[in-house]
């Protein structure tokens, strides 16, 4: 399992594409935070906080995570190496966990790279250190939980097709559905009596709470439960191919 995990990490960084994806993500966020192109850039907005980052980051991860995960199973299918992989003395769950963790670690690397923004804002405030570090820390936890769930969804999407583009598109659709879809569904007239219940199924409801620095056990359980669910769904797909 560890060998497979290392292989996935090395494959990602063995091509320019991996660095390019991470670079584009950081570049766009830097523009939003510091450039005049954004109406809420920190220098003009006048507030030493990272609200704009935590509100827009999920939108970028809707595309970013499918881009780095679309190949994890699709490439194995198209190249025919999946047969060799599933016949090795390693369980389907271990294969999935190795690939999921590889994607998740890459995403964590990108998230931790944005800590440079926190350091910059910390020293750029009217008074040094005038920053809600506790709230920002809670928001980072929310982003990490969000990306863990997105990663499991994208790995599942990759397991469904041997075409990377199809996997990429399907992952975006699934992420978008779980992030925005249930909010929109809750506004439908037929579900007005169940609007809160339907909203709570969606990701954005729980992420918005944690992104404010409020870490509730119920929200943590939500993210962990759905992450495990999609890992298990992926295991079913791989098990069927193995049998």
C-alpha atoms as a PDB file:
ATOM      1  CA  UNK A   1       0.000   0.000   0.000  1.00  0.00           C
ATOM      2  CA  UNK A   2       2.825   2.391   0.896  1.00  0.00           C
ATOM      3  CA  UNK A   3       4.632   1.560  -2.348  1.00  0.00           C
ATOM      4  CA  UNK A   4       1.500   2.328  -4.352  1.00  0.00           C
ATOM      5  CA  UNK A   5       1.034   5.579  -2.444  1.00  0.00           C
ATOM      6  CA  UNK A   6       4.604   6.646  -3.228  1.00  0.00           C
ATOM      7  CA  UNK A   7       4.146   5.690  -6.860  1.00  0.00           C
ATOM      8  CA  UNK A   8       1.049   7.890  -7.190  1.00  0.00           C
ATOM      9  CA  UNK A   9       2.873  10.848  -5.632  1.00  0.00           C
ATOM     10  CA  UNK A  10       5.923  10.392  -7.863  1.00  0.00           C
ATOM     11  CA  UNK A  11       3.799  10.066 -11.012  1.00  0.00           C
ATOM     12  CA  UNK A  12       2.079  13.349 -10.276  1.00  0.00           C
ATOM     13  CA  UNK A  13       5.331  15.249  -9.801  1.00  0.00           C
ATOM     14  CA  UNK A  14       7.144  13.499 -12.660  1.00  0.00           C
ATOM     15  CA  UNK A  15       5.351  15.671 -15.206  1.00  0.00           C
ATOM     16  CA  UNK A  16       4.983  19.402 -15.641  1.00  0.00           C
ATOM     17  CA  UNK A  17       1.204  19.054 -15.378  1.00  0.00           C
ATOM     18  CA  UNK A  18       1.299  18.479 -11.624  1.00  0.00           C
ATOM     19  CA  UNK A  19       3.304  21.609 -10.927  1.00  0.00           C
ATOM     20  CA  UNK A  20       1.208  23.585 -13.415  1.00  0.00           C
ATOM     21  CA  UNK A  21      -2.088  22.696 -11.727  1.00  0.00           C
ATOM     22  CA  UNK A  22      -0.794  23.697  -8.295  1.00  0.00           C
ATOM     23  CA  UNK A  23       0.819  26.844  -9.704  1.00  0.00           C
ATOM     24  CA  UNK A  24      -2.386  27.961 -11.414  1.00  0.00           C
ATOM     25  CA  UNK A  25      -4.387  27.421  -8.220  1.00  0.00           C
ATOM     26  CA  UNK A  26      -1.991  29.521  -6.142  1.00  0.00           C
ATOM     27  CA  UNK A  27      -1.698  32.179  -8.846  1.00  0.00           C
ATOM     28  CA  UNK A  28      -5.459  32.694  -9.141  1.00  0.00           C
ATOM     29  CA  UNK A  29      -5.882  32.895  -5.373  1.00  0.00           C
ATOM     30  CA  UNK A  30      -3.035  35.396  -5.165  1.00  0.00           C
ATOM     31  CA  UNK A  31      -4.818  37.591  -7.725  1.00  0.00           C
ATOM     32  CA  UNK A  32      -8.051  37.449  -5.731  1.00  0.00           C
ATOM     33  CA  UNK A  33      -6.305  38.289  -2.464  1.00  0.00           C
ATOM     34  CA  UNK A  34      -3.824  40.943  -3.559  1.00  0.00           C
ATOM     35  CA  UNK A  35      -4.671  42.286  -7.015  1.00  0.00           C
ATOM     36  CA  UNK A  36      -6.927  45.187  -8.043  1.00  0.00           C
ATOM     37  CA  UNK A  37      -8.724  42.741 -10.340  1.00  0.00           C
ATOM     38  CA  UNK A  38     -10.679  41.669  -7.251  1.00  0.00           C
ATOM     39  CA  UNK A  39     -13.073  44.100  -5.570  1.00  0.00           C
ATOM     40  CA  UNK A  40     -12.386  42.390  -2.244  1.00  0.00           C
ATOM     41  CA  UNK A  41      -8.618  42.214  -2.412  1.00  0.00           C
ATOM     42  CA  UNK A  42      -7.044  42.602   1.011  1.00  0.00           C
ATOM     43  CA  UNK A  43      -5.141  45.823   0.300  1.00  0.00           C
ATOM     44  CA  UNK A  44      -8.293  47.672  -0.860  1.00  0.00           C
ATOM     45  CA  UNK A  45     -10.845  45.879   1.316  1.00  0.00           C
ATOM     46  CA  UNK A  46      -9.298  47.264   4.478  1.00  0.00           C
ATOM     47  CA  UNK A  47      -9.771  44.193   6.663  1.00  0.00           C
ATOM     48  CA  UNK A  48      -7.038  41.789   7.730  1.00  0.00           C
ATOM     49  CA  UNK A  49      -8.881  38.530   7.131  1.00  0.00           C
ATOM     50  CA  UNK A  50      -9.029  35.653   4.655  1.00  0.00           C
ATOM     51  CA  UNK A  51     -12.786  35.442   4.183  1.00  0.00           C
ATOM     52  CA  UNK A  52     -12.505  35.823   0.421  1.00  0.00           C
ATOM     53  CA  UNK A  53     -10.075  32.894   0.244  1.00  0.00           C
ATOM     54  CA  UNK A  54     -12.256  30.528   2.266  1.00  0.00           C
ATOM     55  CA  UNK A  55     -15.390  31.521   0.328  1.00  0.00           C
ATOM     56  CA  UNK A  56     -13.832  31.020  -3.119  1.00  0.00           C
ATOM     57  CA  UNK A  57     -11.465  28.090  -2.427  1.00  0.00           C
ATOM     58  CA  UNK A  58     -14.245  25.447  -2.656  1.00  0.00           C
ATOM     59  CA  UNK A  59     -15.072  26.677  -6.164  1.00  0.00           C
ATOM     60  CA  UNK A  60     -11.480  26.198  -7.281  1.00  0.00           C
ATOM     61  CA  UNK A  61     -11.235  22.800  -5.620  1.00  0.00           C
ATOM     62  CA  UNK A  62     -14.337  21.743  -7.575  1.00  0.00           C
ATOM     63  CA  UNK A  63     -12.021  21.840 -10.631  1.00  0.00           C
ATOM     64  CA  UNK A  64      -8.605  21.397  -9.063  1.00  0.00           C
ATOM     65  CA  UNK A  65      -9.189  18.048  -7.342  1.00  0.00           C
ATOM     66  CA  UNK A  66     -10.859  16.381 -10.380  1.00  0.00           C
ATOM     67  CA  UNK A  67      -7.890  17.545 -12.468  1.00  0.00           C
ATOM     68  CA  UNK A  68      -5.334  15.780 -10.280  1.00  0.00           C
ATOM     69  CA  UNK A  69      -7.413  12.675  -9.553  1.00  0.00           C
ATOM     70  CA  UNK A  70      -8.985  11.885 -12.937  1.00  0.00           C
ATOM     71  CA  UNK A  71      -6.111   9.575 -13.881  1.00  0.00           C
ATOM     72  CA  UNK A  72      -5.822   7.493 -10.682  1.00  0.00           C
ATOM     73  CA  UNK A  73      -8.016   4.646 -11.941  1.00  0.00           C
ATOM     74  CA  UNK A  74      -8.857   5.721 -15.499  1.00  0.00           C
ATOM     75  CA  UNK A  75      -5.210   5.453 -16.528  1.00  0.00           C
ATOM     76  CA  UNK A  76      -4.946   2.007 -14.924  1.00  0.00           C
ATOM     77  CA  UNK A  77      -7.960   0.882 -16.970  1.00  0.00           C
ATOM     78  CA  UNK A  78      -6.800   2.336 -20.288  1.00  0.00           C
ATOM     79  CA  UNK A  79      -3.236   1.007 -19.957  1.00  0.00           C
ATOM     80  CA  UNK A  80      -4.381  -2.423 -18.753  1.00  0.00           C
ATOM     81  CA  UNK A  81      -2.325  -2.275 -15.556  1.00  0.00           C
ATOM     82  CA  UNK A  82      -5.404  -2.559 -13.348  1.00  0.00           C
ATOM     83  CA  UNK A  83      -5.401  -6.347 -13.871  1.00  0.00           C
ATOM     84  CA  UNK A  84      -1.844  -6.606 -12.555  1.00  0.00           C
ATOM     85  CA  UNK A  85      -2.678  -4.320  -9.658  1.00  0.00           C
ATOM     86  CA  UNK A  86      -5.743  -6.186  -8.412  1.00  0.00           C
ATOM     87  CA  UNK A  87      -4.001  -9.562  -8.615  1.00  0.00           C
ATOM     88  CA  UNK A  88      -1.228  -8.465  -6.256  1.00  0.00           C
ATOM     89  CA  UNK A  89      -1.381  -9.440  -2.553  1.00  0.00           C
ATOM     90  CA  UNK A  90      -3.171  -6.243  -1.659  1.00  0.00           C
ATOM     91  CA  UNK A  91      -6.882  -5.740  -1.007  1.00  0.00           C
ATOM     92  CA  UNK A  92      -9.149  -3.538  -3.075  1.00  0.00           C
ATOM     93  CA  UNK A  93      -9.601  -1.253  -0.083  1.00  0.00           C
ATOM     94  CA  UNK A  94      -5.831  -0.828   0.297  1.00  0.00           C
ATOM     95  CA  UNK A  95      -5.520   0.076  -3.390  1.00  0.00           C
ATOM     96  CA  UNK A  96      -8.251   2.679  -3.035  1.00  0.00           C
ATOM     97  CA  UNK A  97      -6.840   4.107   0.199  1.00  0.00           C
ATOM     98  CA  UNK A  98      -3.375   4.427  -1.348  1.00  0.00           C
ATOM     99  CA  UNK A  99      -4.767   6.382  -4.296  1.00  0.00           C
ATOM    100  CA  UNK A 100      -7.134   8.435  -2.162  1.00  0.00           C
ATOM    101  CA  UNK A 101      -4.375   9.369   0.295  1.00  0.00           C
ATOM    102  CA  UNK A 102      -2.052  10.297  -2.573  1.00  0.00           C
ATOM    103  CA  UNK A 103      -4.658  12.706  -3.968  1.00  0.00           C
ATOM    104  CA  UNK A 104      -5.484  14.041  -0.509  1.00  0.00           C
ATOM    105  CA  UNK A 105      -1.816  14.628   0.383  1.00  0.00           C
ATOM    106  CA  UNK A 106      -1.301  16.559  -2.852  1.00  0.00           C
ATOM    107  CA  UNK A 107      -4.297  18.711  -2.006  1.00  0.00           C
ATOM    108  CA  UNK A 108      -3.013  19.220   1.544  1.00  0.00           C
ATOM    109  CA  UNK A 109       0.320  20.324   0.107  1.00  0.00           C
ATOM    110  CA  UNK A 110      -1.511  22.960  -1.916  1.00  0.00           C
ATOM    111  CA  UNK A 111      -3.587  24.090   1.079  1.00  0.00           C
ATOM    112  CA  UNK A 112      -0.536  24.398   3.324  1.00  0.00           C
ATOM    113  CA  UNK A 113       1.174  26.453   0.615  1.00  0.00           C
ATOM    114  CA  UNK A 114      -1.467  29.134   1.185  1.00  0.00           C
ATOM    115  CA  UNK A 115      -0.246  29.642   4.757  1.00  0.00           C
ATOM    116  CA  UNK A 116       2.075  32.232   3.239  1.00  0.00           C
ATOM    117  CA  UNK A 117      -1.051  34.374   2.865  1.00  0.00           C
ATOM    118  CA  UNK A 118      -1.701  34.135   6.611  1.00  0.00           C
ATOM    119  CA  UNK A 119       1.855  35.158   7.427  1.00  0.00           C
ATOM    120  CA  UNK A 120       1.660  38.091   5.001  1.00  0.00           C
ATOM    121  CA  UNK A 121      -1.642  39.369   6.401  1.00  0.00           C
ATOM    122  CA  UNK A 122      -0.363  38.883   9.958  1.00  0.00           C
ATOM    123  CA  UNK A 123       2.424  41.410   9.353  1.00  0.00           C
ATOM    124  CA  UNK A 124       0.531  43.739   6.980  1.00  0.00           C
ATOM    125  CA  UNK A 125      -2.228  44.671   9.432  1.00  0.00           C
ATOM    126  CA  UNK A 126      -2.407  48.151  10.957  1.00  0.00           C
ATOM    127  CA  UNK A 127      -0.979  46.511  14.056  1.00  0.00           C
ATOM    128  CA  UNK A 128       1.113  43.366  13.680  1.00  0.00           C
ATOM    129  CA  UNK A 129      -0.773  40.260  14.769  1.00  0.00           C
ATOM    130  CA  UNK A 130      -4.225  41.865  14.524  1.00  0.00           C
ATOM    131  CA  UNK A 131      -5.663  38.726  12.989  1.00  0.00           C
ATOM    132  CA  UNK A 132      -8.237  36.168  14.129  1.00  0.00           C
ATOM    133  CA  UNK A 133      -5.869  33.199  14.079  1.00  0.00           C
ATOM    134  CA  UNK A 134      -8.327  30.933  15.917  1.00  0.00           C
ATOM    135  CA  UNK A 135     -11.031  31.601  13.310  1.00  0.00           C
ATOM    136  CA  UNK A 136      -8.578  31.094  10.429  1.00  0.00           C
ATOM    137  CA  UNK A 137      -7.366  27.827  11.964  1.00  0.00           C
ATOM    138  CA  UNK A 138     -10.965  26.601  12.179  1.00  0.00           C
ATOM    139  CA  UNK A 139     -11.550  27.641   8.584  1.00  0.00           C
ATOM    140  CA  UNK A 140      -8.500  25.674   7.458  1.00  0.00           C
ATOM    141  CA  UNK A 141      -9.868  22.594   9.216  1.00  0.00           C
ATOM    142  CA  UNK A 142     -13.128  23.083   7.330  1.00  0.00           C
ATOM    143  CA  UNK A 143     -11.255  23.335   4.035  1.00  0.00           C
ATOM    144  CA  UNK A 144      -9.298  20.177   4.811  1.00  0.00           C
ATOM    145  CA  UNK A 145     -12.499  18.227   5.601  1.00  0.00           C
ATOM    146  CA  UNK A 146     -14.086  19.589   2.420  1.00  0.00           C
ATOM    147  CA  UNK A 147     -11.114  18.530   0.289  1.00  0.00           C
ATOM    148  CA  UNK A 148     -11.078  15.091   1.875  1.00  0.00           C
ATOM    149  CA  UNK A 149     -14.670  14.572   0.763  1.00  0.00           C
ATOM    150  CA  UNK A 150     -14.017  16.043  -2.688  1.00  0.00           C
ATOM    151  CA  UNK A 151     -11.010  13.721  -3.064  1.00  0.00           C
ATOM    152  CA  UNK A 152     -13.057  10.621  -2.237  1.00  0.00           C
ATOM    153  CA  UNK A 153     -15.761  11.688  -4.704  1.00  0.00           C
ATOM    154  CA  UNK A 154     -13.180  12.249  -7.442  1.00  0.00           C
ATOM    155  CA  UNK A 155     -11.460   8.900  -6.849  1.00  0.00           C
ATOM    156  CA  UNK A 156     -14.882   7.251  -7.116  1.00  0.00           C
ATOM    157  CA  UNK A 157     -15.554   9.096 -10.388  1.00  0.00           C
ATOM    158  CA  UNK A 158     -12.204   7.941 -11.763  1.00  0.00           C
ATOM    159  CA  UNK A 159     -13.055   4.324 -10.947  1.00  0.00           C
ATOM    160  CA  UNK A 160     -16.133   4.438 -13.183  1.00  0.00           C
ATOM    161  CA  UNK A 161     -14.484   5.084 -16.554  1.00  0.00           C
ATOM    162  CA  UNK A 162     -11.300   4.343 -18.490  1.00  0.00           C
ATOM    163  CA  UNK A 163     -11.506   7.790 -20.086  1.00  0.00           C
ATOM    164  CA  UNK A 164      -9.834  10.525 -18.061  1.00  0.00           C
ATOM    165  CA  UNK A 165     -11.927  13.331 -19.561  1.00  0.00           C
ATOM    166  CA  UNK A 166     -15.157  11.519 -18.694  1.00  0.00           C
ATOM    167  CA  UNK A 167     -13.863  10.938 -15.167  1.00  0.00           C
ATOM    168  CA  UNK A 168     -12.910  14.609 -14.902  1.00  0.00           C
ATOM    169  CA  UNK A 169     -16.333  15.830 -16.026  1.00  0.00           C
ATOM    170  CA  UNK A 170     -18.209  13.318 -13.875  1.00  0.00           C
ATOM    171  CA  UNK A 171     -16.168  14.300 -10.810  1.00  0.00           C
ATOM    172  CA  UNK A 172     -16.992  17.970 -11.368  1.00  0.00           C
ATOM    173  CA  UNK A 173     -20.681  17.148 -11.732  1.00  0.00           C
ATOM    174  CA  UNK A 174     -20.727  15.075  -8.533  1.00  0.00           C
ATOM    175  CA  UNK A 175     -18.825  17.696  -6.551  1.00  0.00           C
ATOM    176  CA  UNK A 176     -21.090  20.442  -7.841  1.00  0.00           C
ATOM    177  CA  UNK A 177     -24.192  18.402  -7.052  1.00  0.00           C
ATOM    178  CA  UNK A 178     -23.135  17.790  -3.470  1.00  0.00           C
ATOM    179  CA  UNK A 179     -21.907  21.336  -2.946  1.00  0.00           C
ATOM    180  CA  UNK A 180     -24.681  23.356  -4.627  1.00  0.00           C
ATOM    181  CA  UNK A 181     -27.373  20.878  -5.662  1.00  0.00           C
ATOM    182  CA  UNK A 182     -29.058  20.237  -2.334  1.00  0.00           C
ATOM    183  CA  UNK A 183     -29.230  23.957  -1.547  1.00  0.00           C
ATOM    184  CA  UNK A 184     -31.038  24.536  -4.830  1.00  0.00           C
ATOM    185  CA  UNK A 185     -33.273  21.520  -4.266  1.00  0.00           C
ATOM    186  CA  UNK A 186     -34.267  22.782  -0.822  1.00  0.00           C
ATOM    187  CA  UNK A 187     -35.641  25.947  -2.425  1.00  0.00           C
ATOM    188  CA  UNK A 188     -38.081  23.999  -4.591  1.00  0.00           C
ATOM    189  CA  UNK A 189     -41.739  24.458  -3.676  1.00  0.00           C
ATOM    190  CA  UNK A 190     -42.359  20.726  -3.265  1.00  0.00           C
ATOM    191  CA  UNK A 191     -39.675  20.435  -0.575  1.00  0.00           C
ATOM    192  CA  UNK A 192     -40.402  23.586   1.403  1.00  0.00           C
ATOM    193  CA  UNK A 193     -41.401  21.539   4.468  1.00  0.00           C
ATOM    194  CA  UNK A 194     -38.112  19.656   4.376  1.00  0.00           C
ATOM    195  CA  UNK A 195     -35.791  22.445   3.250  1.00  0.00           C
ATOM    196  CA  UNK A 196     -33.482  22.305   6.282  1.00  0.00           C
ATOM    197  CA  UNK A 197     -33.123  18.525   6.112  1.00  0.00           C
ATOM    198  CA  UNK A 198     -32.275  18.673   2.413  1.00  0.00           C
ATOM    199  CA  UNK A 199     -29.752  21.490   2.976  1.00  0.00           C
ATOM    200  CA  UNK A 200     -28.015  19.429   5.626  1.00  0.00           C
ATOM    201  CA  UNK A 201     -27.325  16.701   3.060  1.00  0.00           C
ATOM    202  CA  UNK A 202     -25.291  19.176   1.008  1.00  0.00           C
ATOM    203  CA  UNK A 203     -21.648  20.035   1.608  1.00  0.00           C
ATOM    204  CA  UNK A 204     -21.967  23.820   1.590  1.00  0.00           C
ATOM    205  CA  UNK A 205     -24.264  23.842   4.651  1.00  0.00           C
ATOM    206  CA  UNK A 206     -21.603  22.192   6.804  1.00  0.00           C
ATOM    207  CA  UNK A 207     -18.630  23.921   5.210  1.00  0.00           C
ATOM    208  CA  UNK A 208     -20.081  27.392   5.752  1.00  0.00           C
ATOM    209  CA  UNK A 209     -20.420  26.652   9.471  1.00  0.00           C
ATOM    210  CA  UNK A 210     -16.864  25.359   9.860  1.00  0.00           C
ATOM    211  CA  UNK A 211     -15.413  28.111   7.646  1.00  0.00           C
ATOM    212  CA  UNK A 212     -16.591  30.587  10.276  1.00  0.00           C
ATOM    213  CA  UNK A 213     -14.320  28.874  12.770  1.00  0.00           C
ATOM    214  CA  UNK A 214     -17.128  26.894  14.440  1.00  0.00           C
ATOM    215  CA  UNK A 215     -16.119  23.235  14.533  1.00  0.00           C
ATOM    216  CA  UNK A 216     -19.162  21.167  15.504  1.00  0.00           C
ATOM    217  CA  UNK A 217     -18.949  17.418  16.006  1.00  0.00           C
ATOM    218  CA  UNK A 218     -21.990  16.932  13.739  1.00  0.00           C
ATOM    219  CA  UNK A 219     -20.238  18.689  10.849  1.00  0.00           C
ATOM    220  CA  UNK A 220     -17.043  16.688  11.352  1.00  0.00           C
ATOM    221  CA  UNK A 221     -19.057  13.452  11.412  1.00  0.00           C
ATOM    222  CA  UNK A 222     -20.811  14.513   8.195  1.00  0.00           C
ATOM    223  CA  UNK A 223     -17.557  14.995   6.291  1.00  0.00           C
ATOM    224  CA  UNK A 224     -15.926  11.833   7.622  1.00  0.00           C
ATOM    225  CA  UNK A 225     -19.048   9.734   6.983  1.00  0.00           C
ATOM    226  CA  UNK A 226     -19.505  10.829   3.378  1.00  0.00           C
ATOM    227  CA  UNK A 227     -15.785  10.468   2.699  1.00  0.00           C
ATOM    228  CA  UNK A 228     -15.939   6.868   3.929  1.00  0.00           C
ATOM    229  CA  UNK A 229     -19.127   6.309   1.913  1.00  0.00           C
ATOM    230  CA  UNK A 230     -17.481   7.227  -1.396  1.00  0.00           C
ATOM    231  CA  UNK A 231     -14.404   5.159  -0.556  1.00  0.00           C
ATOM    232  CA  UNK A 232     -16.679   2.167   0.037  1.00  0.00           C
ATOM    233  CA  UNK A 233     -18.561   2.865  -3.206  1.00  0.00           C
ATOM    234  CA  UNK A 234     -15.234   2.855  -5.021  1.00  0.00           C
ATOM    235  CA  UNK A 235     -14.368  -0.442  -3.350  1.00  0.00           C
ATOM    236  CA  UNK A 236     -17.574  -1.941  -4.755  1.00  0.00           C
ATOM    237  CA  UNK A 237     -16.603  -0.839  -8.274  1.00  0.00           C
ATOM    238  CA  UNK A 238     -13.071  -2.248  -7.972  1.00  0.00           C
ATOM    239  CA  UNK A 239     -14.321  -5.457  -6.373  1.00  0.00           C
ATOM    240  CA  UNK A 240     -16.670  -6.039  -9.309  1.00  0.00           C
ATOM    241  CA  UNK A 241     -13.788  -5.603 -11.731  1.00  0.00           C
ATOM    242  CA  UNK A 242     -11.643  -7.919  -9.626  1.00  0.00           C
ATOM    243  CA  UNK A 243     -14.274 -10.633  -9.664  1.00  0.00           C
END
